[in-house]
Amino acid sequence: LSNLIEEVADNYYELLALDNQLDIIQQYTKLQQR
């Protein structure tokens, strides 16, 4: 149970980090376009 909760939380935060990195890449792409 303890390991399962840790894995779900860690993967959830990693997913949020990837979402934010995707936003940064998209902003950088617009900057490169300009």
ModelCIF file with pLDDT and N, C-alpha, C, O atoms, coordinates in Angstrom:
data_MODEL
#
_entry.id   MODEL 
#
_entity.id                         1 
_entity.type                       polymer 
_entity.pdbx_number_of_molecules   1 
#
_entity_poly.entity_id                      1 
_entity_poly.type                           'polypeptide(L)' 
_entity_poly.nstd_linkage                   no 
_entity_poly.nstd_monomer                   no 
_entity_poly.pdbx_seq_one_letter_code       LSNLIEEVADNYYELLALDNQLDIIQQYTKLQQR 
_entity_poly.pdbx_seq_one_letter_code_can   LSNLIEEVADNYYELLALDNQLDIIQQYTKLQQR 
_entity_poly.pdbx_strand_id                 A 
#
loop_
_entity_poly_seq.entity_id 
_entity_poly_seq.num 
_entity_poly_seq.mon_id 
_entity_poly_seq.hetero 
1 1  LEU n 
1 2  SER n 
1 3  ASN n 
1 4  LEU n 
1 5  ILE n 
1 6  GLU n 
1 7  GLU n 
1 8  VAL n 
1 9  ALA n 
1 10 ASP n 
1 11 ASN n 
1 12 TYR n 
1 13 TYR n 
1 14 GLU n 
1 15 LEU n 
1 16 LEU n 
1 17 ALA n 
1 18 LEU n 
1 19 ASP n 
1 20 ASN n 
1 21 GLN n 
1 22 LEU n 
1 23 ASP n 
1 24 ILE n 
1 25 ILE n 
1 26 GLN n 
1 27 GLN n 
1 28 TYR n 
1 29 THR n 
1 30 LYS n 
1 31 LEU n 
1 32 GLN n 
1 33 GLN n 
1 34 ARG n 
#
_struct_asym.id          A 
_struct_asym.entity_id   1 
#
loop_
_ma_qa_metric.id 
_ma_qa_metric.mode 
_ma_qa_metric.name 
_ma_qa_metric.software_group_id 
_ma_qa_metric.type 
1 global pLDDT . pLDDT 
2 local  pLDDT . pLDDT 
#
_ma_qa_metric_global.metric_id      1 
_ma_qa_metric_global.metric_value   94.35 
_ma_qa_metric_global.model_id       1 
_ma_qa_metric_global.ordinal_id     1 
#
loop_
_ma_qa_metric_local.label_asym_id 
_ma_qa_metric_local.label_comp_id 
_ma_qa_metric_local.label_seq_id 
_ma_qa_metric_local.metric_id 
_ma_qa_metric_local.metric_value 
_ma_qa_metric_local.model_id 
_ma_qa_metric_local.ordinal_id 
A LEU 1  2 96.00 1 1  
A SER 2  2 96.00 1 2  
A ASN 3  2 96.00 1 3  
A LEU 4  2 97.00 1 4  
A ILE 5  2 97.00 1 5  
A GLU 6  2 97.00 1 6  
A GLU 7  2 97.00 1 7  
A VAL 8  2 98.00 1 8  
A ALA 9  2 97.00 1 9  
A ASP 10 2 97.00 1 10 
A ASN 11 2 97.00 1 11 
A TYR 12 2 98.00 1 12 
A TYR 13 2 97.00 1 13 
A GLU 14 2 97.00 1 14 
A LEU 15 2 97.00 1 15 
A LEU 16 2 97.00 1 16 
A ALA 17 2 97.00 1 17 
A LEU 18 2 97.00 1 18 
A ASP 19 2 97.00 1 19 
A ASN 20 2 96.00 1 20 
A GLN 21 2 96.00 1 21 
A LEU 22 2 96.00 1 22 
A ASP 23 2 95.00 1 23 
A ILE 24 2 94.00 1 24 
A ILE 25 2 95.00 1 25 
A GLN 26 2 94.00 1 26 
A GLN 27 2 90.00 1 27 
A TYR 28 2 89.00 1 28 
A THR 29 2 91.00 1 29 
A LYS 30 2 89.00 1 30 
A LEU 31 2 84.00 1 31 
A GLN 32 2 84.00 1 32 
A GLN 33 2 89.00 1 33 
A ARG 34 2 84.00 1 34 
#
loop_
_atom_site.group_PDB 
_atom_site.id 
_atom_site.type_symbol 
_atom_site.label_atom_id 
_atom_site.label_alt_id 
_atom_site.label_comp_id 
_atom_site.label_asym_id 
_atom_site.label_entity_id 
_atom_site.label_seq_id 
_atom_site.pdbx_PDB_ins_code 
_atom_site.Cartn_x 
_atom_site.Cartn_y 
_atom_site.Cartn_z 
_atom_site.occupancy 
_atom_site.B_iso_or_equiv 
_atom_site.pdbx_formal_charge 
_atom_site.auth_seq_id 
_atom_site.auth_comp_id 
_atom_site.auth_asym_id 
_atom_site.auth_atom_id 
_atom_site.pdbx_PDB_model_num 
ATOM 1   N N  . LEU A 1 1  ? 0.829  -1.205 0.000   1.00 96.00 ? 1  LEU A N  1 
ATOM 2   C CA . LEU A 1 1  ? 0.000  0.000  0.000   1.00 96.00 ? 1  LEU A CA 1 
ATOM 3   C C  . LEU A 1 1  ? 0.865  1.257  0.000   1.00 96.00 ? 1  LEU A C  1 
ATOM 4   O O  . LEU A 1 1  ? 0.639  2.180  -0.783  1.00 96.00 ? 1  LEU A O  1 
ATOM 5   N N  . SER A 1 2  ? 1.846  1.279  0.878   1.00 96.00 ? 2  SER A N  1 
ATOM 6   C CA . SER A 1 2  ? 2.726  2.441  0.987   1.00 96.00 ? 2  SER A CA 1 
ATOM 7   C C  . SER A 1 2  ? 3.475  2.677  -0.314  1.00 96.00 ? 2  SER A C  1 
ATOM 8   O O  . SER A 1 2  ? 3.567  3.814  -0.778  1.00 96.00 ? 2  SER A O  1 
ATOM 9   N N  . ASN A 1 3  ? 4.016  1.609  -0.913  1.00 96.00 ? 3  ASN A N  1 
ATOM 10  C CA . ASN A 1 3  ? 4.738  1.741  -2.183  1.00 96.00 ? 3  ASN A CA 1 
ATOM 11  C C  . ASN A 1 3  ? 3.814  2.192  -3.306  1.00 96.00 ? 3  ASN A C  1 
ATOM 12  O O  . ASN A 1 3  ? 4.195  3.006  -4.146  1.00 96.00 ? 3  ASN A O  1 
ATOM 13  N N  . LEU A 1 4  ? 2.599  1.656  -3.313  1.00 97.00 ? 4  LEU A N  1 
ATOM 14  C CA . LEU A 1 4  ? 1.644  1.999  -4.367  1.00 97.00 ? 4  LEU A CA 1 
ATOM 15  C C  . LEU A 1 4  ? 1.300  3.486  -4.324  1.00 97.00 ? 4  LEU A C  1 
ATOM 16  O O  . LEU A 1 4  ? 1.281  4.153  -5.358  1.00 97.00 ? 4  LEU A O  1 
ATOM 17  N N  . ILE A 1 5  ? 1.032  3.999  -3.134  1.00 97.00 ? 5  ILE A N  1 
ATOM 18  C CA . ILE A 1 5  ? 0.698  5.418  -3.001  1.00 97.00 ? 5  ILE A CA 1 
ATOM 19  C C  . ILE A 1 5  ? 1.876  6.281  -3.431  1.00 97.00 ? 5  ILE A C  1 
ATOM 20  O O  . ILE A 1 5  ? 1.696  7.308  -4.087  1.00 97.00 ? 5  ILE A O  1 
ATOM 21  N N  . GLU A 1 6  ? 3.080  5.862  -3.061  1.00 97.00 ? 6  GLU A N  1 
ATOM 22  C CA . GLU A 1 6  ? 4.273  6.615  -3.465  1.00 97.00 ? 6  GLU A CA 1 
ATOM 23  C C  . GLU A 1 6  ? 4.429  6.628  -4.986  1.00 97.00 ? 6  GLU A C  1 
ATOM 24  O O  . GLU A 1 6  ? 4.722  7.669  -5.573  1.00 97.00 ? 6  GLU A O  1 
ATOM 25  N N  . GLU A 1 7  ? 4.232  5.467  -5.624  1.00 97.00 ? 7  GLU A N  1 
ATOM 26  C CA . GLU A 1 7  ? 4.379  5.382  -7.079  1.00 97.00 ? 7  GLU A CA 1 
ATOM 27  C C  . GLU A 1 7  ? 3.354  6.249  -7.796  1.00 97.00 ? 7  GLU A C  1 
ATOM 28  O O  . GLU A 1 7  ? 3.692  6.944  -8.754  1.00 97.00 ? 7  GLU A O  1 
ATOM 29  N N  . VAL A 1 8  ? 2.100  6.213  -7.339  1.00 98.00 ? 8  VAL A N  1 
ATOM 30  C CA . VAL A 1 8  ? 1.061  7.018  -7.979  1.00 98.00 ? 8  VAL A CA 1 
ATOM 31  C C  . VAL A 1 8  ? 1.398  8.506  -7.851  1.00 98.00 ? 8  VAL A C  1 
ATOM 32  O O  . VAL A 1 8  ? 1.289  9.253  -8.823  1.00 98.00 ? 8  VAL A O  1 
ATOM 33  N N  . ALA A 1 9  ? 1.806  8.936  -6.656  1.00 97.00 ? 9  ALA A N  1 
ATOM 34  C CA . ALA A 1 9  ? 2.121  10.353 -6.438  1.00 97.00 ? 9  ALA A CA 1 
ATOM 35  C C  . ALA A 1 9  ? 3.330  10.781 -7.258  1.00 97.00 ? 9  ALA A C  1 
ATOM 36  O O  . ALA A 1 9  ? 3.310  11.840 -7.886  1.00 97.00 ? 9  ALA A O  1 
ATOM 37  N N  . ASP A 1 10 ? 4.390  9.960  -7.259  1.00 97.00 ? 10 ASP A N  1 
ATOM 38  C CA . ASP A 1 10 ? 5.586  10.318 -8.026  1.00 97.00 ? 10 ASP A CA 1 
ATOM 39  C C  . ASP A 1 10 ? 5.285  10.426 -9.514  1.00 97.00 ? 10 ASP A C  1 
ATOM 40  O O  . ASP A 1 10 ? 5.715  11.378 -10.166 1.00 97.00 ? 10 ASP A O  1 
ATOM 41  N N  . ASN A 1 11 ? 4.552  9.464  -10.055 1.00 97.00 ? 11 ASN A N  1 
ATOM 42  C CA . ASN A 1 11 ? 4.209  9.500  -11.483 1.00 97.00 ? 11 ASN A CA 1 
ATOM 43  C C  . ASN A 1 11 ? 3.284  10.668 -11.805 1.00 97.00 ? 11 ASN A C  1 
ATOM 44  O O  . ASN A 1 11 ? 3.373  11.250 -12.886 1.00 97.00 ? 11 ASN A O  1 
ATOM 45  N N  . TYR A 1 12 ? 2.404  11.013 -10.881 1.00 98.00 ? 12 TYR A N  1 
ATOM 46  C CA . TYR A 1 12 ? 1.498  12.150 -11.087 1.00 98.00 ? 12 TYR A CA 1 
ATOM 47  C C  . TYR A 1 12 ? 2.297  13.446 -11.188 1.00 98.00 ? 12 TYR A C  1 
ATOM 48  O O  . TYR A 1 12 ? 2.037  14.266 -12.069 1.00 98.00 ? 12 TYR A O  1 
ATOM 49  N N  . TYR A 1 13 ? 3.262  13.638 -10.297 1.00 97.00 ? 13 TYR A N  1 
ATOM 50  C CA . TYR A 1 13 ? 4.082  14.850 -10.357 1.00 97.00 ? 13 TYR A CA 1 
ATOM 51  C C  . TYR A 1 13 ? 4.974  14.867 -11.601 1.00 97.00 ? 13 TYR A C  1 
ATOM 52  O O  . TYR A 1 13 ? 5.211  15.926 -12.180 1.00 97.00 ? 13 TYR A O  1 
ATOM 53  N N  . GLU A 1 14 ? 5.462  13.711 -12.005 1.00 97.00 ? 14 GLU A N  1 
ATOM 54  C CA . GLU A 1 14 ? 6.244  13.641 -13.244 1.00 97.00 ? 14 GLU A CA 1 
ATOM 55  C C  . GLU A 1 14 ? 5.387  14.003 -14.448 1.00 97.00 ? 14 GLU A C  1 
ATOM 56  O O  . GLU A 1 14 ? 5.860  14.654 -15.379 1.00 97.00 ? 14 GLU A O  1 
ATOM 57  N N  . LEU A 1 15 ? 4.127  13.583 -14.431 1.00 97.00 ? 15 LEU A N  1 
ATOM 58  C CA . LEU A 1 15 ? 3.215  13.918 -15.526 1.00 97.00 ? 15 LEU A CA 1 
ATOM 59  C C  . LEU A 1 15 ? 2.963  15.429 -15.567 1.00 97.00 ? 15 LEU A C  1 
ATOM 60  O O  . LEU A 1 15 ? 2.964  16.016 -16.648 1.00 97.00 ? 15 LEU A O  1 
ATOM 61  N N  . LEU A 1 16 ? 2.750  16.058 -14.430 1.00 97.00 ? 16 LEU A N  1 
ATOM 62  C CA . LEU A 1 16 ? 2.563  17.499 -14.382 1.00 97.00 ? 16 LEU A CA 1 
ATOM 63  C C  . LEU A 1 16 ? 3.819  18.224 -14.877 1.00 97.00 ? 16 LEU A C  1 
ATOM 64  O O  . LEU A 1 16 ? 3.723  19.241 -15.565 1.00 97.00 ? 16 LEU A O  1 
ATOM 65  N N  . ALA A 1 17 ? 4.986  17.699 -14.526 1.00 97.00 ? 17 ALA A N  1 
ATOM 66  C CA . ALA A 1 17 ? 6.242  18.301 -14.995 1.00 97.00 ? 17 ALA A CA 1 
ATOM 67  C C  . ALA A 1 17 ? 6.348  18.213 -16.515 1.00 97.00 ? 17 ALA A C  1 
ATOM 68  O O  . ALA A 1 17 ? 6.766  19.173 -17.162 1.00 97.00 ? 17 ALA A O  1 
ATOM 69  N N  . LEU A 1 18 ? 5.978  17.081 -17.082 1.00 97.00 ? 18 LEU A N  1 
ATOM 70  C CA . LEU A 1 18 ? 6.007  16.938 -18.547 1.00 97.00 ? 18 LEU A CA 1 
ATOM 71  C C  . LEU A 1 18 ? 5.029  17.902 -19.204 1.00 97.00 ? 18 LEU A C  1 
ATOM 72  O O  . LEU A 1 18 ? 5.341  18.473 -20.249 1.00 97.00 ? 18 LEU A O  1 
ATOM 73  N N  . ASP A 1 19 ? 3.853  18.093 -18.613 1.00 97.00 ? 19 ASP A N  1 
ATOM 74  C CA . ASP A 1 19 ? 2.886  19.065 -19.149 1.00 97.00 ? 19 ASP A CA 1 
ATOM 75  C C  . ASP A 1 19 ? 3.492  20.456 -19.198 1.00 97.00 ? 19 ASP A C  1 
ATOM 76  O O  . ASP A 1 19 ? 3.355  21.160 -20.198 1.00 97.00 ? 19 ASP A O  1 
ATOM 77  N N  . ASN A 1 20 ? 4.156  20.852 -18.130 1.00 96.00 ? 20 ASN A N  1 
ATOM 78  C CA . ASN A 1 20 ? 4.763  22.179 -18.081 1.00 96.00 ? 20 ASN A CA 1 
ATOM 79  C C  . ASN A 1 20 ? 5.947  22.297 -19.032 1.00 96.00 ? 20 ASN A C  1 
ATOM 80  O O  . ASN A 1 20 ? 6.174  23.357 -19.615 1.00 96.00 ? 20 ASN A O  1 
ATOM 81  N N  . GLN A 1 21 ? 6.696  21.222 -19.188 1.00 96.00 ? 21 GLN A N  1 
ATOM 82  C CA . GLN A 1 21 ? 7.800  21.253 -20.151 1.00 96.00 ? 21 GLN A CA 1 
ATOM 83  C C  . GLN A 1 21 ? 7.276  21.355 -21.580 1.00 96.00 ? 21 GLN A C  1 
ATOM 84  O O  . GLN A 1 21 ? 7.893  22.000 -22.428 1.00 96.00 ? 21 GLN A O  1 
ATOM 85  N N  . LEU A 1 22 ? 6.147  20.724 -21.844 1.00 96.00 ? 22 LEU A N  1 
ATOM 86  C CA . LEU A 1 22 ? 5.537  20.842 -23.167 1.00 96.00 ? 22 LEU A CA 1 
ATOM 87  C C  . LEU A 1 22 ? 5.113  22.293 -23.427 1.00 96.00 ? 22 LEU A C  1 
ATOM 88  O O  . LEU A 1 22 ? 5.308  22.807 -24.529 1.00 96.00 ? 22 LEU A O  1 
ATOM 89  N N  . ASP A 1 23 ? 4.546  22.939 -22.435 1.00 95.00 ? 23 ASP A N  1 
ATOM 90  C CA . ASP A 1 23 ? 4.169  24.349 -22.577 1.00 95.00 ? 23 ASP A CA 1 
ATOM 91  C C  . ASP A 1 23 ? 5.393  25.216 -22.848 1.00 95.00 ? 23 ASP A C  1 
ATOM 92  O O  . ASP A 1 23 ? 5.340  26.134 -23.666 1.00 95.00 ? 23 ASP A O  1 
ATOM 93  N N  . ILE A 1 24 ? 6.486  24.925 -22.166 1.00 94.00 ? 24 ILE A N  1 
ATOM 94  C CA . ILE A 1 24 ? 7.717  25.704 -22.368 1.00 94.00 ? 24 ILE A CA 1 
ATOM 95  C C  . ILE A 1 24 ? 8.240  25.515 -23.789 1.00 94.00 ? 24 ILE A C  1 
ATOM 96  O O  . ILE A 1 24 ? 8.662  26.475 -24.434 1.00 94.00 ? 24 ILE A O  1 
ATOM 97  N N  . ILE A 1 25 ? 8.210  24.275 -24.272 1.00 95.00 ? 25 ILE A N  1 
ATOM 98  C CA . ILE A 1 25 ? 8.672  24.008 -25.644 1.00 95.00 ? 25 ILE A CA 1 
ATOM 99  C C  . ILE A 1 25 ? 7.797  24.744 -26.658 1.00 95.00 ? 25 ILE A C  1 
ATOM 100 O O  . ILE A 1 25 ? 8.299  25.308 -27.630 1.00 95.00 ? 25 ILE A O  1 
ATOM 101 N N  . GLN A 1 26 ? 6.502  24.733 -26.423 1.00 94.00 ? 26 GLN A N  1 
ATOM 102 C CA . GLN A 1 26 ? 5.596  25.443 -27.347 1.00 94.00 ? 26 GLN A CA 1 
ATOM 103 C C  . GLN A 1 26 ? 5.838  26.950 -27.317 1.00 94.00 ? 26 GLN A C  1 
ATOM 104 O O  . GLN A 1 26 ? 5.796  27.601 -28.360 1.00 94.00 ? 26 GLN A O  1 
ATOM 105 N N  . GLN A 1 27 ? 6.087  27.504 -26.143 1.00 90.00 ? 27 GLN A N  1 
ATOM 106 C CA . GLN A 1 27 ? 6.429  28.926 -26.057 1.00 90.00 ? 27 GLN A CA 1 
ATOM 107 C C  . GLN A 1 27 ? 7.759  29.211 -26.749 1.00 90.00 ? 27 GLN A C  1 
ATOM 108 O O  . GLN A 1 27 ? 7.911  30.223 -27.432 1.00 90.00 ? 27 GLN A O  1 
ATOM 109 N N  . TYR A 1 28 ? 8.711  28.313 -26.565 1.00 89.00 ? 28 TYR A N  1 
ATOM 110 C CA . TYR A 1 28 ? 10.020 28.474 -27.219 1.00 89.00 ? 28 TYR A CA 1 
ATOM 111 C C  . TYR A 1 28 ? 9.878  28.391 -28.734 1.00 89.00 ? 28 TYR A C  1 
ATOM 112 O O  . TYR A 1 28 ? 10.558 29.110 -29.467 1.00 89.00 ? 28 TYR A O  1 
ATOM 113 N N  . THR A 1 29 ? 8.985  27.504 -29.206 1.00 91.00 ? 29 THR A N  1 
ATOM 114 C CA . THR A 1 29 ? 8.750  27.392 -30.653 1.00 91.00 ? 29 THR A CA 1 
ATOM 115 C C  . THR A 1 29 ? 8.206  28.699 -31.212 1.00 91.00 ? 29 THR A C  1 
ATOM 116 O O  . THR A 1 29 ? 8.633  29.142 -32.279 1.00 91.00 ? 29 THR A O  1 
ATOM 117 N N  . LYS A 1 30 ? 7.279  29.314 -30.512 1.00 89.00 ? 30 LYS A N  1 
ATOM 118 C CA . LYS A 1 30 ? 6.743  30.611 -30.952 1.00 89.00 ? 30 LYS A CA 1 
ATOM 119 C C  . LYS A 1 30 ? 7.839  31.675 -30.969 1.00 89.00 ? 30 LYS A C  1 
ATOM 120 O O  . LYS A 1 30 ? 7.890  32.507 -31.875 1.00 89.00 ? 30 LYS A O  1 
ATOM 121 N N  . LEU A 1 31 ? 8.705  31.643 -29.973 1.00 84.00 ? 31 LEU A N  1 
ATOM 122 C CA . LEU A 1 31 ? 9.822  32.586 -29.917 1.00 84.00 ? 31 LEU A CA 1 
ATOM 123 C C  . LEU A 1 31 ? 10.754 32.389 -31.096 1.00 84.00 ? 31 LEU A C  1 
ATOM 124 O O  . LEU A 1 31 ? 11.218 33.356 -31.699 1.00 84.00 ? 31 LEU A O  1 
ATOM 125 N N  . GLN A 1 32 ? 11.030 31.127 -31.425 1.00 84.00 ? 32 GLN A N  1 
ATOM 126 C CA . GLN A 1 32 ? 11.887 30.832 -32.570 1.00 84.00 ? 32 GLN A CA 1 
ATOM 127 C C  . GLN A 1 32 ? 11.227 31.247 -33.885 1.00 84.00 ? 32 GLN A C  1 
ATOM 128 O O  . GLN A 1 32 ? 11.891 31.693 -34.820 1.00 84.00 ? 32 GLN A O  1 
ATOM 129 N N  . GLN A 1 33 ? 9.908  31.091 -33.929 1.00 89.00 ? 33 GLN A N  1 
ATOM 130 C CA . GLN A 1 33 ? 9.183  31.503 -35.132 1.00 89.00 ? 33 GLN A CA 1 
ATOM 131 C C  . GLN A 1 33 ? 9.322  33.007 -35.346 1.00 89.00 ? 33 GLN A C  1 
ATOM 132 O O  . GLN A 1 33 ? 9.545  33.447 -36.473 1.00 89.00 ? 33 GLN A O  1 
ATOM 133 N N  . ARG A 1 34 ? 9.195  33.798 -34.291 1.00 84.00 ? 34 ARG A N  1 
ATOM 134 C CA . ARG A 1 34 ? 9.350  35.250 -34.415 1.00 84.00 ? 34 ARG A CA 1 
ATOM 135 C C  . ARG A 1 34 ? 10.785 35.625 -34.780 1.00 84.00 ? 34 ARG A C  1 
ATOM 136 O O  . ARG A 1 34 ? 11.096 36.807 -34.924 1.00 84.00 ? 34 ARG A O  1 
#
